[in-house]
Amino acid sequence: MARHGNQILLAEDDPDDGVLIEQILSEVCPNLSIVVFPEGEPLLGFLSKSAPRLPSLIISDLNMPRVDGKQLLKSLKTHPAFQPIPVIILSTSNDEKEIRWCYSAGANSFITKPDLFPHWKKMLKNTCDYWLTTVQLP
């Protein structure tokens, strides 16, 4: 499967966080399209229909209704075609057990959601810079 190279998929059930993340990503990564989903199930459906073109990055909230971040992560990392996509987990939690579980399931990063707008902006810019320009991905 080919990497799309210009798309970020975001799974976020909190509408305020979703809008905030989408706005900041649009500003710090202006050449990318951002597609937002209210939870993991529609993201998986979209991804399956988008094949063979894959997004550059998936960012997912951990706690969501129906298909949450854990289930989404497990589905992505057990599907051979989707394994190469970097998956970033965002959460208000900094519970060590949750963090360990996410990394053991294949998360590429686990980030605790910032409290203040400037911290959100810095975190998302650093995330985009690292995953979309610094690292070499398959």
N, C-alpha and C. Protein backbone atom coordinates (compact mmCIF):
# COMPACT_ATOMS: atom_id res chain seq x y z
N MET A 1 0.84 -1.18 0.00
CA MET A 1 0.00 0.00 0.00
C MET A 1 0.88 1.24 0.00
N ALA A 2 0.45 2.22 -0.72
CA ALA A 2 1.20 3.47 -0.83
C ALA A 2 0.83 4.42 0.29
N ARG A 3 1.80 5.17 0.73
CA ARG A 3 1.53 6.20 1.72
C ARG A 3 0.93 7.40 1.01
N HIS A 4 -0.08 7.98 1.61
CA HIS A 4 -0.74 9.13 1.01
C HIS A 4 0.15 10.36 1.12
N GLY A 5 0.73 10.55 2.29
CA GLY A 5 1.69 11.62 2.46
C GLY A 5 1.14 12.99 2.75
N ASN A 6 -0.17 13.18 2.64
CA ASN A 6 -0.68 14.53 2.90
C ASN A 6 -1.99 14.51 3.67
N GLN A 7 -2.16 13.54 4.54
CA GLN A 7 -3.42 13.44 5.28
C GLN A 7 -3.16 12.94 6.71
N ILE A 8 -3.87 13.57 7.65
CA ILE A 8 -3.88 13.12 9.04
C ILE A 8 -5.31 12.74 9.38
N LEU A 9 -5.48 11.57 9.98
CA LEU A 9 -6.78 11.15 10.47
C LEU A 9 -6.80 11.36 11.98
N LEU A 10 -7.87 11.94 12.48
CA LEU A 10 -8.02 12.24 13.89
C LEU A 10 -9.30 11.60 14.41
N ALA A 11 -9.18 10.79 15.46
CA ALA A 11 -10.35 10.24 16.15
C ALA A 11 -10.44 10.94 17.50
N GLU A 12 -11.51 11.72 17.68
CA GLU A 12 -11.68 12.52 18.91
C GLU A 12 -13.17 12.70 19.16
N ASP A 13 -13.64 12.22 20.31
CA ASP A 13 -15.08 12.30 20.60
C ASP A 13 -15.49 13.63 21.22
N ASP A 14 -14.56 14.37 21.78
CA ASP A 14 -14.89 15.67 22.37
C ASP A 14 -14.88 16.72 21.26
N PRO A 15 -16.05 17.29 20.93
CA PRO A 15 -16.11 18.24 19.81
C PRO A 15 -15.18 19.44 19.99
N ASP A 16 -15.04 19.94 21.21
CA ASP A 16 -14.17 21.08 21.44
C ASP A 16 -12.71 20.73 21.16
N ASP A 17 -12.27 19.57 21.68
CA ASP A 17 -10.89 19.14 21.42
C ASP A 17 -10.69 18.87 19.94
N GLY A 18 -11.69 18.27 19.28
CA GLY A 18 -11.59 17.98 17.86
C GLY A 18 -11.39 19.23 17.03
N VAL A 19 -12.18 20.26 17.31
CA VAL A 19 -12.07 21.53 16.58
C VAL A 19 -10.72 22.18 16.87
N LEU A 20 -10.32 22.19 18.14
CA LEU A 20 -9.04 22.79 18.52
C LEU A 20 -7.88 22.10 17.80
N ILE A 21 -7.85 20.77 17.85
CA ILE A 21 -6.76 20.02 17.22
C ILE A 21 -6.76 20.25 15.71
N GLU A 22 -7.94 20.20 15.10
CA GLU A 22 -8.03 20.40 13.66
C GLU A 22 -7.54 21.80 13.27
N GLN A 23 -7.93 22.81 14.02
CA GLN A 23 -7.50 24.19 13.71
C GLN A 23 -6.00 24.34 13.84
N ILE A 24 -5.44 23.80 14.92
CA ILE A 24 -3.99 23.93 15.11
C ILE A 24 -3.24 23.15 14.04
N LEU A 25 -3.68 21.92 13.75
CA LEU A 25 -3.00 21.14 12.71
C LEU A 25 -3.07 21.85 11.36
N SER A 26 -4.18 22.47 11.06
CA SER A 26 -4.32 23.21 9.80
C SER A 26 -3.33 24.37 9.73
N GLU A 27 -3.04 24.94 10.88
CA GLU A 27 -2.10 26.06 10.93
C GLU A 27 -0.65 25.59 10.87
N VAL A 28 -0.30 24.56 11.65
CA VAL A 28 1.10 24.14 11.74
C VAL A 28 1.50 23.16 10.63
N CYS A 29 0.53 22.54 10.00
CA CYS A 29 0.76 21.62 8.88
C CYS A 29 -0.14 22.02 7.72
N PRO A 30 0.07 23.18 7.13
CA PRO A 30 -0.89 23.73 6.16
C PRO A 30 -1.05 22.92 4.88
N ASN A 31 -0.12 22.07 4.55
CA ASN A 31 -0.20 21.30 3.31
C ASN A 31 -0.90 19.95 3.49
N LEU A 32 -1.45 19.73 4.67
CA LEU A 32 -2.11 18.45 4.95
C LEU A 32 -3.61 18.63 5.08
N SER A 33 -4.34 17.60 4.69
CA SER A 33 -5.77 17.60 4.99
C SER A 33 -5.97 16.83 6.29
N ILE A 34 -6.89 17.29 7.09
CA ILE A 34 -7.20 16.66 8.36
C ILE A 34 -8.63 16.16 8.29
N VAL A 35 -8.82 14.87 8.56
CA VAL A 35 -10.15 14.28 8.54
C VAL A 35 -10.45 13.85 9.98
N VAL A 36 -11.56 14.36 10.53
CA VAL A 36 -11.90 14.13 11.93
C VAL A 36 -13.06 13.15 12.03
N PHE A 37 -12.94 12.21 12.98
CA PHE A 37 -13.96 11.20 13.25
C PHE A 37 -14.32 11.24 14.72
N PRO A 38 -15.58 10.99 15.08
CA PRO A 38 -16.01 11.06 16.48
C PRO A 38 -15.58 9.86 17.32
N GLU A 39 -15.09 8.81 16.68
CA GLU A 39 -14.56 7.63 17.38
C GLU A 39 -13.90 6.73 16.35
N GLY A 40 -13.41 5.58 16.80
CA GLY A 40 -12.58 4.74 15.94
C GLY A 40 -13.26 4.01 14.81
N GLU A 41 -14.52 3.62 14.99
CA GLU A 41 -15.18 2.80 13.97
C GLU A 41 -15.28 3.49 12.61
N PRO A 42 -15.76 4.74 12.53
CA PRO A 42 -15.80 5.38 11.22
C PRO A 42 -14.41 5.63 10.63
N LEU A 43 -13.42 5.83 11.49
CA LEU A 43 -12.05 6.00 11.00
C LEU A 43 -11.59 4.72 10.31
N LEU A 44 -11.85 3.56 10.92
CA LEU A 44 -11.47 2.29 10.32
C LEU A 44 -12.18 2.07 8.99
N GLY A 45 -13.46 2.43 8.93
CA GLY A 45 -14.20 2.31 7.68
C GLY A 45 -13.63 3.19 6.59
N PHE A 46 -13.32 4.43 6.94
CA PHE A 46 -12.73 5.36 5.99
C PHE A 46 -11.39 4.84 5.49
N LEU A 47 -10.58 4.35 6.42
CA LEU A 47 -9.25 3.85 6.07
C LEU A 47 -9.35 2.66 5.12
N SER A 48 -10.29 1.77 5.38
CA SER A 48 -10.47 0.60 4.51
C SER A 48 -10.89 1.01 3.10
N LYS A 49 -11.72 2.03 3.01
CA LYS A 49 -12.18 2.51 1.70
C LYS A 49 -11.11 3.33 0.98
N SER A 50 -10.16 3.89 1.74
CA SER A 50 -9.11 4.73 1.16
C SER A 50 -7.97 3.91 0.58
N ALA A 51 -7.89 2.63 0.95
CA ALA A 51 -6.79 1.79 0.49
C ALA A 51 -6.79 1.78 -1.04
N PRO A 52 -5.65 1.81 -1.67
CA PRO A 52 -4.34 1.55 -1.09
C PRO A 52 -3.62 2.79 -0.57
N ARG A 53 -4.24 3.95 -0.65
CA ARG A 53 -3.57 5.17 -0.17
C ARG A 53 -3.78 5.30 1.33
N LEU A 54 -2.70 5.49 2.04
CA LEU A 54 -2.75 5.57 3.50
C LEU A 54 -2.43 6.98 3.98
N PRO A 55 -2.95 7.34 5.16
CA PRO A 55 -2.61 8.66 5.73
C PRO A 55 -1.17 8.69 6.23
N SER A 56 -0.68 9.87 6.43
CA SER A 56 0.67 10.04 6.98
C SER A 56 0.72 9.74 8.46
N LEU A 57 -0.41 9.98 9.14
CA LEU A 57 -0.43 9.90 10.60
C LEU A 57 -1.86 9.72 11.07
N ILE A 58 -2.01 8.97 12.16
CA ILE A 58 -3.31 8.86 12.83
C ILE A 58 -3.12 9.33 14.27
N ILE A 59 -3.99 10.24 14.68
CA ILE A 59 -3.99 10.72 16.06
C ILE A 59 -5.33 10.31 16.66
N SER A 60 -5.28 9.66 17.81
CA SER A 60 -6.52 9.17 18.42
C SER A 60 -6.58 9.48 19.90
N ASP A 61 -7.75 9.92 20.31
CA ASP A 61 -8.05 10.03 21.73
C ASP A 61 -8.08 8.62 22.30
N LEU A 62 -7.76 8.46 23.56
CA LEU A 62 -7.77 7.14 24.18
C LEU A 62 -9.18 6.71 24.57
N ASN A 63 -9.90 7.60 25.23
CA ASN A 63 -11.22 7.26 25.77
C ASN A 63 -12.32 7.84 24.90
N MET A 64 -12.99 6.97 24.16
CA MET A 64 -14.09 7.35 23.28
C MET A 64 -15.17 6.28 23.39
N PRO A 65 -16.40 6.61 22.99
CA PRO A 65 -17.46 5.60 23.00
C PRO A 65 -17.24 4.57 21.88
N ARG A 66 -17.95 3.48 21.97
CA ARG A 66 -17.90 2.38 21.00
C ARG A 66 -16.46 1.93 20.77
N VAL A 67 -15.87 2.24 19.63
CA VAL A 67 -14.50 1.83 19.35
C VAL A 67 -13.57 2.92 19.89
N ASP A 68 -12.98 2.64 21.05
CA ASP A 68 -12.11 3.63 21.70
C ASP A 68 -10.69 3.56 21.13
N GLY A 69 -9.81 4.36 21.71
CA GLY A 69 -8.43 4.41 21.22
C GLY A 69 -7.70 3.10 21.33
N LYS A 70 -7.97 2.32 22.36
CA LYS A 70 -7.32 1.02 22.51
C LYS A 70 -7.77 0.06 21.42
N GLN A 71 -9.06 0.00 21.20
CA GLN A 71 -9.58 -0.90 20.17
C GLN A 71 -9.10 -0.47 18.78
N LEU A 72 -9.09 0.83 18.54
CA LEU A 72 -8.61 1.35 17.27
C LEU A 72 -7.15 0.98 17.07
N LEU A 73 -6.34 1.22 18.08
CA LEU A 73 -4.92 0.89 18.01
C LEU A 73 -4.71 -0.59 17.73
N LYS A 74 -5.42 -1.43 18.45
CA LYS A 74 -5.30 -2.88 18.26
C LYS A 74 -5.68 -3.27 16.83
N SER A 75 -6.77 -2.70 16.32
CA SER A 75 -7.20 -3.00 14.94
C SER A 75 -6.16 -2.56 13.92
N LEU A 76 -5.60 -1.38 14.13
CA LEU A 76 -4.61 -0.86 13.18
C LEU A 76 -3.32 -1.68 13.20
N LYS A 77 -2.86 -2.02 14.37
CA LYS A 77 -1.56 -2.69 14.48
C LYS A 77 -1.62 -4.19 14.24
N THR A 78 -2.82 -4.76 14.13
CA THR A 78 -2.93 -6.17 13.76
C THR A 78 -3.31 -6.34 12.29
N HIS A 79 -3.55 -5.25 11.59
CA HIS A 79 -3.86 -5.29 10.16
C HIS A 79 -2.56 -5.01 9.40
N PRO A 80 -2.04 -5.99 8.67
CA PRO A 80 -0.72 -5.82 8.02
C PRO A 80 -0.59 -4.56 7.17
N ALA A 81 -1.64 -4.18 6.47
CA ALA A 81 -1.54 -3.00 5.61
C ALA A 81 -1.47 -1.70 6.39
N PHE A 82 -2.03 -1.68 7.60
CA PHE A 82 -2.09 -0.45 8.39
C PHE A 82 -0.99 -0.34 9.44
N GLN A 83 -0.23 -1.40 9.66
CA GLN A 83 0.83 -1.39 10.68
C GLN A 83 1.85 -0.27 10.51
N PRO A 84 2.24 0.09 9.28
CA PRO A 84 3.26 1.14 9.13
C PRO A 84 2.79 2.55 9.47
N ILE A 85 1.48 2.76 9.59
CA ILE A 85 0.99 4.12 9.85
C ILE A 85 1.31 4.49 11.29
N PRO A 86 2.02 5.59 11.52
CA PRO A 86 2.27 6.02 12.90
C PRO A 86 0.95 6.38 13.59
N VAL A 87 0.80 5.89 14.82
CA VAL A 87 -0.41 6.15 15.60
C VAL A 87 0.00 6.85 16.89
N ILE A 88 -0.55 8.04 17.09
CA ILE A 88 -0.30 8.84 18.28
C ILE A 88 -1.56 8.78 19.14
N ILE A 89 -1.40 8.40 20.40
CA ILE A 89 -2.52 8.36 21.34
C ILE A 89 -2.48 9.62 22.19
N LEU A 90 -3.62 10.31 22.26
CA LEU A 90 -3.77 11.48 23.13
C LEU A 90 -4.73 11.12 24.26
N SER A 91 -4.45 11.61 25.46
CA SER A 91 -5.34 11.33 26.58
C SER A 91 -5.19 12.39 27.65
N THR A 92 -6.25 12.58 28.41
CA THR A 92 -6.15 13.43 29.60
C THR A 92 -5.48 12.66 30.72
N SER A 93 -5.41 11.35 30.58
CA SER A 93 -4.80 10.48 31.59
C SER A 93 -3.29 10.43 31.44
N ASN A 94 -2.62 10.28 32.56
CA ASN A 94 -1.19 9.97 32.52
C ASN A 94 -0.94 8.71 33.34
N ASP A 95 -1.95 7.83 33.34
CA ASP A 95 -1.88 6.57 34.07
C ASP A 95 -0.83 5.66 33.44
N GLU A 96 0.14 5.24 34.24
CA GLU A 96 1.25 4.44 33.74
C GLU A 96 0.78 3.12 33.12
N LYS A 97 -0.24 2.52 33.70
CA LYS A 97 -0.77 1.26 33.16
C LYS A 97 -1.33 1.47 31.74
N GLU A 98 -2.07 2.54 31.55
CA GLU A 98 -2.62 2.86 30.23
C GLU A 98 -1.50 3.13 29.22
N ILE A 99 -0.52 3.88 29.65
CA ILE A 99 0.60 4.23 28.77
C ILE A 99 1.34 2.97 28.34
N ARG A 100 1.64 2.10 29.30
CA ARG A 100 2.34 0.84 28.99
C ARG A 100 1.52 -0.02 28.02
N TRP A 101 0.20 -0.09 28.26
CA TRP A 101 -0.65 -0.89 27.39
C TRP A 101 -0.59 -0.37 25.95
N CYS A 102 -0.68 0.94 25.80
CA CYS A 102 -0.67 1.53 24.46
C CYS A 102 0.64 1.24 23.73
N TYR A 103 1.75 1.41 24.42
CA TYR A 103 3.02 1.12 23.76
C TYR A 103 3.16 -0.36 23.45
N SER A 104 2.72 -1.23 24.33
CA SER A 104 2.82 -2.66 24.06
C SER A 104 1.91 -3.07 22.89
N ALA A 105 0.84 -2.32 22.65
CA ALA A 105 -0.07 -2.61 21.55
C ALA A 105 0.40 -1.99 20.23
N GLY A 106 1.47 -1.21 20.28
CA GLY A 106 2.04 -0.67 19.04
C GLY A 106 1.92 0.82 18.84
N ALA A 107 1.46 1.56 19.86
CA ALA A 107 1.40 3.02 19.72
C ALA A 107 2.81 3.56 19.45
N ASN A 108 2.88 4.55 18.59
CA ASN A 108 4.17 5.17 18.31
C ASN A 108 4.49 6.28 19.29
N SER A 109 3.45 6.87 19.87
CA SER A 109 3.62 7.90 20.91
C SER A 109 2.37 7.93 21.77
N PHE A 110 2.55 8.31 23.02
CA PHE A 110 1.43 8.55 23.94
C PHE A 110 1.68 9.94 24.51
N ILE A 111 0.71 10.83 24.31
CA ILE A 111 0.87 12.22 24.74
C ILE A 111 -0.31 12.60 25.61
N THR A 112 0.00 13.16 26.79
CA THR A 112 -1.05 13.67 27.66
C THR A 112 -1.50 15.02 27.10
N LYS A 113 -2.81 15.18 26.98
CA LYS A 113 -3.36 16.42 26.41
C LYS A 113 -2.96 17.62 27.27
N PRO A 114 -2.45 18.65 26.63
CA PRO A 114 -2.08 19.86 27.37
C PRO A 114 -3.31 20.61 27.90
N ASP A 115 -3.07 21.48 28.87
CA ASP A 115 -4.15 22.29 29.43
C ASP A 115 -4.32 23.62 28.72
N LEU A 116 -3.24 24.18 28.22
CA LEU A 116 -3.27 25.53 27.67
C LEU A 116 -3.04 25.54 26.17
N PHE A 117 -3.68 26.48 25.48
CA PHE A 117 -3.58 26.57 24.03
C PHE A 117 -2.14 26.63 23.52
N PRO A 118 -1.26 27.46 24.11
CA PRO A 118 0.11 27.50 23.59
C PRO A 118 0.81 26.13 23.67
N HIS A 119 0.47 25.36 24.69
CA HIS A 119 1.08 24.03 24.84
C HIS A 119 0.52 23.07 23.79
N TRP A 120 -0.79 23.19 23.50
CA TRP A 120 -1.40 22.39 22.43
C TRP A 120 -0.66 22.67 21.12
N LYS A 121 -0.50 23.95 20.82
CA LYS A 121 0.13 24.35 19.56
C LYS A 121 1.56 23.83 19.45
N LYS A 122 2.32 23.97 20.52
CA LYS A 122 3.71 23.50 20.51
C LYS A 122 3.75 21.98 20.35
N MET A 123 2.90 21.26 21.08
CA MET A 123 2.88 19.81 21.02
C MET A 123 2.52 19.32 19.62
N LEU A 124 1.49 19.90 19.02
CA LEU A 124 1.07 19.46 17.69
C LEU A 124 2.08 19.84 16.61
N LYS A 125 2.70 20.99 16.75
CA LYS A 125 3.75 21.37 15.79
C LYS A 125 4.92 20.40 15.90
N ASN A 126 5.36 20.11 17.13
CA ASN A 126 6.46 19.16 17.31
C ASN A 126 6.10 17.78 16.78
N THR A 127 4.86 17.35 17.01
CA THR A 127 4.41 16.05 16.52
C THR A 127 4.47 16.01 15.00
N CYS A 128 3.94 17.03 14.35
CA CYS A 128 3.97 17.08 12.87
C CYS A 128 5.40 17.14 12.36
N ASP A 129 6.22 17.99 12.95
CA ASP A 129 7.60 18.11 12.50
C ASP A 129 8.32 16.77 12.59
N TYR A 130 8.13 16.10 13.72
CA TYR A 130 8.84 14.83 13.92
C TYR A 130 8.33 13.74 12.97
N TRP A 131 7.02 13.50 12.98
CA TRP A 131 6.47 12.37 12.23
C TRP A 131 6.38 12.62 10.73
N LEU A 132 6.33 13.86 10.31
CA LEU A 132 6.12 14.12 8.89
C LEU A 132 7.35 14.65 8.16
N THR A 133 8.37 15.08 8.91
CA THR A 133 9.56 15.58 8.23
C THR A 133 10.87 14.95 8.72
N THR A 134 10.94 14.58 9.99
CA THR A 134 12.21 14.10 10.53
C THR A 134 12.44 12.61 10.29
N VAL A 135 11.46 11.78 10.63
CA VAL A 135 11.67 10.33 10.55
C VAL A 135 11.47 9.81 9.13
N GLN A 136 12.11 8.71 8.84
CA GLN A 136 11.91 7.97 7.59
C GLN A 136 10.94 6.84 7.87
N LEU A 137 9.84 6.80 7.15
CA LEU A 137 8.83 5.76 7.34
C LEU A 137 8.75 4.88 6.10
N PRO A 138 8.31 3.63 6.31
CA PRO A 138 8.18 2.72 5.16
C PRO A 138 7.10 3.19 4.20
